[in-house]
Amino acid sequence: MTKGKILLFTTDYPPAEGGGILTHSHFLVDTLRPLGWDFFVLSEYYIYCSEEEIKAYSKKEGYAIQHLPDAPTKISFLKKVWLCCKITRKYKPDLIIGSGRHTTWYAAIISRLLGIPLVTIGHGTEFTQKTSRNDFKWNKKAYGQSSLLISISHFSKGIIESIGIKPREIAVIHNAANESVFKPLGQELIKEFKLKKGLQNKRIILATGALSERKGQKIMIRALPRIIEQFPDIFYVAIGLPYQLKELYNLARELNLQEHILFPGVVDQQELVYWLNACDIYSMMSINDNGDYEGFGIAVLEAALCGKTAVVSDNGGLPEAVKNGITGLVVPENDPEKTAEAVILLLENEKLKTELEINANQHVMSSGTYHSQVEKYDHYLSQLLKK
């Protein structure tokens, strides 16, 4: 029996890979469909994906996915609104969900035109990072129109309220990690993987996410010299889209760290699971880059599912993914010295590291998995339909 039909507007969606909004949108569809919710997905696909790949993925998964066209002019904007209205009238959704700044604007327009309840997802930087003159004005109208606004962290909720966005209801549901994908692997598999990568007998600090100013890879690179003084076998591996690759390479050369750093680029999910299992410590040293901050930190939970503790900065909603001193360590933002101290503390004290690893895994399994978080979405969406 179908509980309801949802039209999801999202910035990115599979079969493209990468990005927090893409991961979150896929989580919604992947977990709510088995509970009786039907979906039609409209995606901008900022992360490129061919039309053939999208059609093949849609056919394989068994639900409709539409690539929304760009709308750089007023005429193309009106055509895009008309297309969205046409799809909505044909699909007849009970709810519309908007995830990502610009796609949420379109979701709000269609919701208003056709009188369908609107649910929006508040990730974070859409409320603080200005990309055009009217960003904040459109945000206030679109997100303020929500019947329900779900924020991924208490930090983001505070920002939403502080700038005067007033939806009918606002709730916090932290992001979740997929427990069916991210899990501990056997020691032999990990040993073989490290051998294959030429990192046998190396300690690994792992970071995932686009190589960018906001993700803070520079902070860990600047912390490495002090860490290497005590642990010369350390290796920093930063996985992700290579936006700042040249700049990070130059910094590594400047500090004479070429033999201690690896940038594998983008890896598939299976390899990512291997890296998370092979690392000794997971790190996310995000900083606030002109309003671009870390909304939560799904990757910290993915690492915890693989049995790893994390060292993270106190940026944005990131500390909400870690219980400081219990499941991991939180250090001041943009502080290489404190970052190095935290890493050294864990590498020196195997008992403490093991304790944090066990706690991190237990905590995410109890309150950070797809299974635990989808129940909250199901509850709120069901209540909204009843109203």
Protein backbone atom coordinates (compact mmCIF):
# COMPACT_ATOMS: atom_id res chain seq x y z
CA MET A 1 0.00 0.00 0.00
CA THR A 2 1.33 3.45 -0.97
CA LYS A 3 1.58 5.91 1.94
CA GLY A 4 1.99 8.86 -0.40
CA LYS A 5 3.62 10.19 -3.55
CA ILE A 6 6.63 12.51 -3.27
CA LEU A 7 8.09 14.77 -5.95
CA LEU A 8 11.73 15.34 -4.99
CA PHE A 9 13.60 18.38 -6.33
CA THR A 10 17.34 17.93 -5.73
CA THR A 11 20.64 19.46 -6.79
CA ASP A 12 22.25 16.09 -7.57
CA TYR A 13 21.28 12.44 -7.72
CA PRO A 14 22.70 9.05 -8.76
CA PRO A 15 24.05 7.68 -10.98
CA ALA A 16 26.28 10.73 -10.50
CA GLU A 17 28.69 10.34 -7.57
CA GLY A 18 29.80 12.65 -4.79
CA GLY A 19 28.41 15.44 -2.64
CA GLY A 20 26.38 15.57 0.54
CA ILE A 21 23.08 16.59 -1.07
CA LEU A 22 23.32 13.71 -3.57
CA THR A 23 23.99 11.24 -0.74
CA HIS A 24 21.15 12.62 1.34
CA SER A 25 18.64 12.61 -1.54
CA HIS A 26 19.49 9.04 -2.42
CA PHE A 27 19.10 8.10 1.25
CA LEU A 28 15.57 9.55 1.27
CA VAL A 29 14.44 7.62 -1.80
CA ASP A 30 16.32 4.42 -1.01
CA THR A 31 14.93 4.12 2.53
CA LEU A 32 11.45 5.61 2.22
CA ARG A 33 10.38 3.59 -0.82
CA PRO A 34 10.41 0.26 1.09
CA LEU A 35 8.16 1.94 3.69
CA GLY A 36 5.50 2.64 1.07
CA TRP A 37 6.45 6.07 -0.32
CA ASP A 38 6.52 6.54 -4.09
CA PHE A 39 9.00 8.96 -5.71
CA PHE A 40 9.53 11.02 -8.83
CA VAL A 41 12.98 12.70 -8.83
CA LEU A 42 13.80 16.01 -10.56
CA SER A 43 17.53 16.73 -10.45
CA GLU A 44 19.71 19.56 -11.73
CA TYR A 45 22.73 17.22 -12.00
CA TYR A 46 25.37 19.84 -11.18
CA ILE A 47 27.68 16.82 -10.94
CA TYR A 48 27.68 15.73 -14.57
CA CYS A 49 25.94 12.56 -15.66
CA SER A 50 24.92 11.62 -19.22
CA GLU A 51 21.28 11.28 -20.23
CA GLU A 52 21.91 7.64 -21.17
CA GLU A 53 23.25 6.89 -17.68
CA ILE A 54 20.29 8.61 -16.04
CA LYS A 55 17.73 6.71 -18.13
CA ALA A 56 19.48 3.37 -17.51
CA TYR A 57 19.64 4.04 -13.75
CA SER A 58 15.98 5.08 -13.65
CA LYS A 59 14.92 1.91 -15.46
CA LYS A 60 17.04 -0.30 -13.18
CA GLU A 61 15.72 1.30 -9.96
CA GLY A 62 12.09 1.35 -11.08
CA TYR A 63 11.10 4.99 -10.55
CA ALA A 64 11.15 8.15 -12.69
CA ILE A 65 14.16 10.49 -12.73
CA GLN A 66 14.12 13.68 -14.82
CA HIS A 67 17.15 15.85 -15.57
CA LEU A 68 16.07 19.48 -15.19
CA PRO A 69 17.49 21.86 -17.83
CA ASP A 70 19.53 24.96 -17.00
CA ALA A 71 17.63 28.25 -16.93
CA PRO A 72 20.06 31.16 -17.44
CA THR A 73 17.45 33.48 -19.05
CA LYS A 74 13.93 34.62 -18.15
CA ILE A 75 12.47 32.66 -21.06
CA SER A 76 14.31 29.45 -20.09
CA PHE A 77 13.23 30.02 -16.48
CA LEU A 78 9.57 30.16 -17.51
CA LYS A 79 9.99 27.07 -19.70
CA LYS A 80 11.53 25.23 -16.76
CA VAL A 81 8.64 26.22 -14.45
CA TRP A 82 6.18 25.07 -17.14
CA LEU A 83 8.01 21.71 -17.44
CA CYS A 84 7.93 21.23 -13.66
CA CYS A 85 4.21 22.09 -13.57
CA LYS A 86 3.52 19.62 -16.38
CA ILE A 87 5.36 16.81 -14.59
CA THR A 88 3.68 17.63 -11.27
CA ARG A 89 0.16 17.66 -12.73
CA LYS A 90 0.79 14.30 -14.39
CA TYR A 91 2.41 12.67 -11.35
CA LYS A 92 -0.02 14.20 -8.79
CA PRO A 93 2.25 14.11 -5.71
CA ASP A 94 0.94 14.41 -2.16
CA LEU A 95 4.13 16.20 -1.04
CA ILE A 96 6.97 18.13 -2.67
CA ILE A 97 10.49 17.98 -1.18
CA GLY A 98 13.18 20.54 -2.04
CA SER A 99 16.85 19.81 -1.33
CA GLY A 100 19.56 22.26 -2.37
CA ARG A 101 19.20 26.01 -2.81
CA HIS A 102 18.11 26.53 -6.42
CA THR A 103 16.06 23.35 -6.71
CA THR A 104 14.22 24.31 -3.55
CA TRP A 105 13.24 27.61 -5.18
CA TYR A 106 11.58 25.68 -8.01
CA ALA A 107 9.99 23.29 -5.53
CA ALA A 108 8.52 26.29 -3.69
CA ILE A 109 7.18 27.85 -6.91
CA ILE A 110 5.44 24.62 -7.94
CA SER A 111 4.13 24.11 -4.40
CA ARG A 112 2.62 27.60 -4.41
CA LEU A 113 1.17 27.35 -7.93
CA LEU A 114 -0.43 23.95 -7.44
CA GLY A 115 -1.23 24.03 -3.73
CA ILE A 116 0.87 21.01 -2.69
CA PRO A 117 2.52 20.90 0.79
CA LEU A 118 6.25 21.69 0.70
CA VAL A 119 8.99 20.00 2.73
CA THR A 120 12.49 21.52 2.52
CA ILE A 121 15.86 20.21 3.68
CA GLY A 122 18.23 22.67 5.36
CA HIS A 123 21.80 21.51 4.72
CA GLY A 124 23.62 24.67 5.78
CA THR A 125 25.54 26.81 3.33
CA GLU A 126 22.47 27.71 1.28
CA PHE A 127 21.64 30.08 4.16
CA THR A 128 25.07 31.71 4.53
CA GLN A 129 26.82 31.62 1.16
CA LYS A 130 25.66 34.25 -1.33
CA THR A 131 26.10 33.37 -5.02
CA SER A 132 23.83 36.05 -6.52
CA ARG A 133 22.17 39.32 -5.51
CA ASN A 134 18.77 37.87 -4.62
CA ASP A 135 19.87 34.61 -2.96
CA PHE A 136 18.80 35.45 0.58
CA LYS A 137 15.51 37.05 -0.50
CA TRP A 138 14.53 33.93 -2.51
CA ASN A 139 15.65 31.70 0.35
CA LYS A 140 13.46 33.52 2.83
CA LYS A 141 10.43 33.13 0.57
CA ALA A 142 11.06 29.52 -0.47
CA TYR A 143 12.12 27.99 2.84
CA GLY A 144 9.69 30.19 4.78
CA GLN A 145 6.87 28.71 2.71
CA SER A 146 7.66 25.21 4.00
CA SER A 147 5.02 23.21 5.81
CA LEU A 148 8.04 21.42 7.29
CA LEU A 149 11.72 22.38 7.21
CA ILE A 150 14.10 19.60 8.22
CA SER A 151 17.55 20.81 9.27
CA ILE A 152 20.46 18.34 9.25
CA SER A 153 21.99 19.87 12.39
CA HIS A 154 21.10 22.06 15.36
CA PHE A 155 23.79 24.49 14.17
CA SER A 156 22.03 24.97 10.82
CA LYS A 157 18.68 25.27 12.60
CA GLY A 158 20.10 28.12 14.66
CA ILE A 159 21.25 29.93 11.52
CA ILE A 160 17.87 29.43 9.83
CA GLU A 161 16.07 30.94 12.81
CA SER A 162 18.59 33.78 13.23
CA ILE A 163 18.05 35.06 9.68
CA GLY A 164 14.29 35.15 10.07
CA ILE A 165 13.17 32.15 8.02
CA LYS A 166 9.88 31.02 9.58
CA PRO A 167 8.43 27.76 8.22
CA ARG A 168 5.27 26.34 9.78
CA GLU A 169 7.38 23.66 11.50
CA ILE A 170 11.11 23.02 11.81
CA ALA A 171 12.77 19.78 12.95
CA VAL A 172 16.34 18.50 13.25
CA ILE A 173 17.20 15.11 11.80
CA HIS A 174 20.92 14.40 11.58
CA ASN A 175 22.31 12.84 8.43
CA ALA A 176 22.72 9.07 8.34
CA ALA A 177 25.27 6.56 7.05
CA ASN A 178 24.46 3.38 5.15
CA GLU A 179 25.15 0.45 7.47
CA SER A 180 24.65 -2.06 4.66
CA VAL A 181 27.60 -0.58 2.73
CA PHE A 182 30.01 0.74 5.37
CA LYS A 183 31.18 -1.98 7.73
CA PRO A 184 34.40 -3.51 9.13
CA LEU A 185 36.44 -5.76 6.83
CA GLY A 186 38.72 -8.64 7.78
CA GLN A 187 42.37 -7.96 8.59
CA GLU A 188 43.61 -10.03 5.66
CA LEU A 189 41.58 -7.95 3.19
CA ILE A 190 42.91 -4.74 4.71
CA LYS A 191 46.48 -6.06 4.61
CA GLU A 192 46.12 -6.97 0.93
CA PHE A 193 44.64 -3.55 0.14
CA LYS A 194 47.47 -1.66 1.85
CA LEU A 195 50.02 -3.82 0.06
CA LYS A 196 48.35 -3.07 -3.26
CA LYS A 197 48.52 0.67 -2.54
CA GLY A 198 52.14 0.48 -1.42
CA LEU A 199 51.23 1.52 2.14
CA GLN A 200 52.07 -1.64 4.05
CA ASN A 201 53.46 -0.85 7.52
CA LYS A 202 52.20 2.75 7.23
CA ARG A 203 49.87 4.58 9.60
CA ILE A 204 47.14 6.34 7.65
CA ILE A 205 45.23 9.53 8.38
CA LEU A 206 42.29 9.60 5.95
CA ALA A 207 40.18 12.50 4.71
CA THR A 208 37.32 12.34 2.20
CA GLY A 209 35.51 15.13 0.37
CA ALA A 210 36.36 17.58 -2.39
CA LEU A 211 39.88 19.01 -2.19
CA SER A 212 38.79 22.54 -1.34
CA GLU A 213 39.32 25.44 1.04
CA ARG A 214 36.25 24.51 3.08
CA LYS A 215 37.24 20.87 3.63
CA GLY A 216 40.47 22.03 5.30
CA GLN A 217 43.02 19.57 3.86
CA LYS A 218 45.61 22.36 4.24
CA ILE A 219 45.18 22.24 8.01
CA MET A 220 46.18 18.59 8.25
CA ILE A 221 49.05 19.08 5.79
CA ARG A 222 50.40 21.87 8.00
CA ALA A 223 50.00 19.61 11.04
CA LEU A 224 51.94 16.74 9.45
CA PRO A 225 55.52 17.92 10.15
CA ARG A 226 54.94 17.77 13.91
CA ILE A 227 53.16 14.39 13.64
CA ILE A 228 55.99 12.97 11.52
CA GLU A 229 58.55 13.95 14.18
CA GLN A 230 57.03 11.27 16.44
CA PHE A 231 55.54 8.96 13.82
CA PRO A 232 57.70 8.97 10.69
CA ASP A 233 55.59 6.18 9.18
CA ILE A 234 52.50 8.43 8.94
CA PHE A 235 50.72 8.89 5.61
CA TYR A 236 47.97 11.42 4.84
CA VAL A 237 45.46 10.25 2.20
CA ALA A 238 42.92 12.82 0.94
CA ILE A 239 40.23 11.41 -1.36
CA GLY A 240 37.95 13.63 -3.41
CA LEU A 241 37.33 15.84 -6.42
CA PRO A 242 40.67 17.56 -7.21
CA TYR A 243 39.57 21.21 -7.17
CA GLN A 244 42.60 22.38 -5.14
CA LEU A 245 44.97 19.58 -6.11
CA LYS A 246 47.73 21.80 -7.50
CA GLU A 247 47.62 24.13 -4.51
CA LEU A 248 47.77 21.23 -2.04
CA TYR A 249 50.65 19.60 -3.95
CA ASN A 250 52.56 22.89 -3.82
CA LEU A 251 52.00 23.17 -0.07
CA ALA A 252 53.19 19.58 0.40
CA ARG A 253 56.35 20.30 -1.62
CA GLU A 254 56.97 23.50 0.31
CA LEU A 255 56.91 21.51 3.57
CA ASN A 256 58.85 18.60 2.03
CA LEU A 257 55.97 16.16 2.61
CA GLN A 258 55.72 14.54 -0.83
CA GLU A 259 56.64 11.14 0.62
CA HIS A 260 53.86 11.32 3.20
CA ILE A 261 50.83 12.41 1.13
CA LEU A 262 48.58 10.72 -1.42
CA PHE A 263 45.69 12.21 -3.42
CA PRO A 264 43.82 9.27 -5.05
CA GLY A 265 41.15 11.50 -6.61
CA VAL A 266 37.58 10.23 -6.74
CA VAL A 267 37.17 6.54 -5.87
CA ASP A 268 34.15 4.27 -6.13
CA GLN A 269 32.18 3.25 -3.06
CA GLN A 270 33.79 -0.17 -2.74
CA GLU A 271 37.30 1.30 -2.68
CA LEU A 272 36.17 3.98 -0.22
CA VAL A 273 35.08 1.25 2.22
CA TYR A 274 38.57 -0.27 1.93
CA TRP A 275 40.24 3.09 2.62
CA LEU A 276 38.05 3.66 5.68
CA ASN A 277 39.00 0.25 7.01
CA ALA A 278 42.69 0.70 6.22
CA CYS A 279 43.07 4.06 7.95
CA ASP A 280 44.14 4.52 11.56
CA ILE A 281 42.34 7.83 12.07
CA TYR A 282 39.65 9.58 10.05
CA SER A 283 39.91 13.38 9.84
CA MET A 284 37.69 16.25 8.73
CA MET A 285 39.28 19.64 9.37
CA SER A 286 36.61 21.82 7.75
CA ILE A 287 36.70 25.61 8.03
CA ASN A 288 34.20 28.38 7.34
CA ASP A 289 35.07 29.65 3.86
CA ASN A 290 33.09 32.88 3.32
CA GLY A 291 29.86 31.35 4.57
CA ASP A 292 30.56 27.86 3.22
CA TYR A 293 30.63 25.61 6.28
CA GLU A 294 30.17 21.95 7.17
CA GLY A 295 26.48 21.26 7.75
CA PHE A 296 27.01 17.96 9.57
CA GLY A 297 29.54 15.34 8.41
CA ILE A 298 28.12 12.09 7.02
CA ALA A 299 31.63 10.79 6.33
CA VAL A 300 32.42 10.76 10.06
CA LEU A 301 29.54 8.32 10.53
CA GLU A 302 30.70 6.20 7.59
CA ALA A 303 34.13 5.94 9.21
CA ALA A 304 32.53 4.99 12.54
CA LEU A 305 30.57 2.19 10.83
CA CYS A 306 33.96 0.88 9.69
CA GLY A 307 35.18 0.99 13.28
CA LYS A 308 37.22 4.20 13.11
CA THR A 309 37.40 7.21 15.39
CA ALA A 310 37.74 10.74 14.02
CA VAL A 311 39.53 14.01 14.64
CA VAL A 312 37.35 16.90 13.46
CA SER A 313 37.28 20.69 13.66
CA ASP A 314 34.62 22.58 15.58
CA ASN A 315 33.21 24.00 12.34
CA GLY A 316 29.46 24.37 11.78
CA GLY A 317 27.44 21.24 12.53
CA LEU A 318 30.46 18.95 12.33
CA PRO A 319 30.90 18.57 16.12
CA GLU A 320 27.38 17.09 16.22
CA ALA A 321 28.75 14.05 14.38
CA VAL A 322 31.28 13.42 17.17
CA LYS A 323 30.97 13.16 20.96
CA ASN A 324 34.19 14.87 22.00
CA GLY A 325 36.40 12.59 24.08
CA ILE A 326 33.92 9.72 23.73
CA THR A 327 33.63 8.82 20.02
CA GLY A 328 36.36 11.10 18.69
CA LEU A 329 38.21 14.36 19.27
CA VAL A 330 37.10 17.90 18.36
CA VAL A 331 39.77 20.57 17.84
CA PRO A 332 39.57 24.31 17.13
CA GLU A 333 38.92 25.26 13.52
CA ASN A 334 41.95 26.19 11.41
CA ASP A 335 44.48 25.14 14.09
CA PRO A 336 47.28 22.86 12.79
CA GLU A 337 48.96 22.77 16.22
CA LYS A 338 45.89 21.44 18.08
CA THR A 339 45.16 19.11 15.16
CA ALA A 340 48.64 17.59 15.44
CA GLU A 341 48.26 17.22 19.22
CA ALA A 342 44.98 15.31 18.81
CA VAL A 343 46.41 12.92 16.22
CA ILE A 344 49.55 12.30 18.30
CA LEU A 345 47.43 11.66 21.41
CA LEU A 346 45.51 8.89 19.61
CA LEU A 347 48.59 7.33 18.00
CA GLU A 348 50.47 7.35 21.32
CA ASN A 349 47.59 5.90 23.31
CA GLU A 350 46.32 2.74 21.62
CA LYS A 351 43.99 2.02 24.54
CA LEU A 352 42.27 5.40 24.17
CA LYS A 353 42.03 5.04 20.39
CA THR A 354 40.46 1.60 20.68
CA GLU A 355 37.98 2.87 23.27
CA LEU A 356 36.91 5.75 21.00
CA GLU A 357 36.63 3.39 18.01
CA ILE A 358 34.31 1.05 19.92
CA ASN A 359 32.23 3.97 21.21
CA ALA A 360 32.00 5.54 17.74
CA ASN A 361 30.75 2.31 16.19
CA GLN A 362 28.21 1.67 18.93
CA HIS A 363 26.93 5.25 18.79
CA VAL A 364 26.42 5.33 15.02
CA MET A 365 24.77 1.90 15.04
CA SER A 366 22.26 3.09 17.63
CA SER A 367 21.43 6.53 16.26
CA GLY A 368 23.16 7.30 12.96
CA THR A 369 22.22 4.58 10.50
CA TYR A 370 19.81 4.67 7.57
CA HIS A 371 17.45 2.45 9.56
CA SER A 372 17.30 4.73 12.61
CA GLN A 373 17.00 8.03 10.75
CA VAL A 374 14.47 6.99 8.08
CA GLU A 375 11.98 6.25 10.85
CA LYS A 376 12.09 9.92 11.80
CA TYR A 377 11.46 11.05 8.22
CA ASP A 378 8.63 8.54 7.88
CA HIS A 379 7.05 9.88 11.07
CA TYR A 380 7.22 13.57 10.09
CA LEU A 381 6.03 13.00 6.51
CA SER A 382 3.15 10.81 7.67
CA GLN A 383 2.09 13.41 10.23
CA LEU A 384 2.20 16.12 7.57
CA LEU A 385 -0.10 14.12 5.29
CA LYS A 386 -2.56 13.61 8.15
CA LYS A 387 -2.69 17.37 8.71
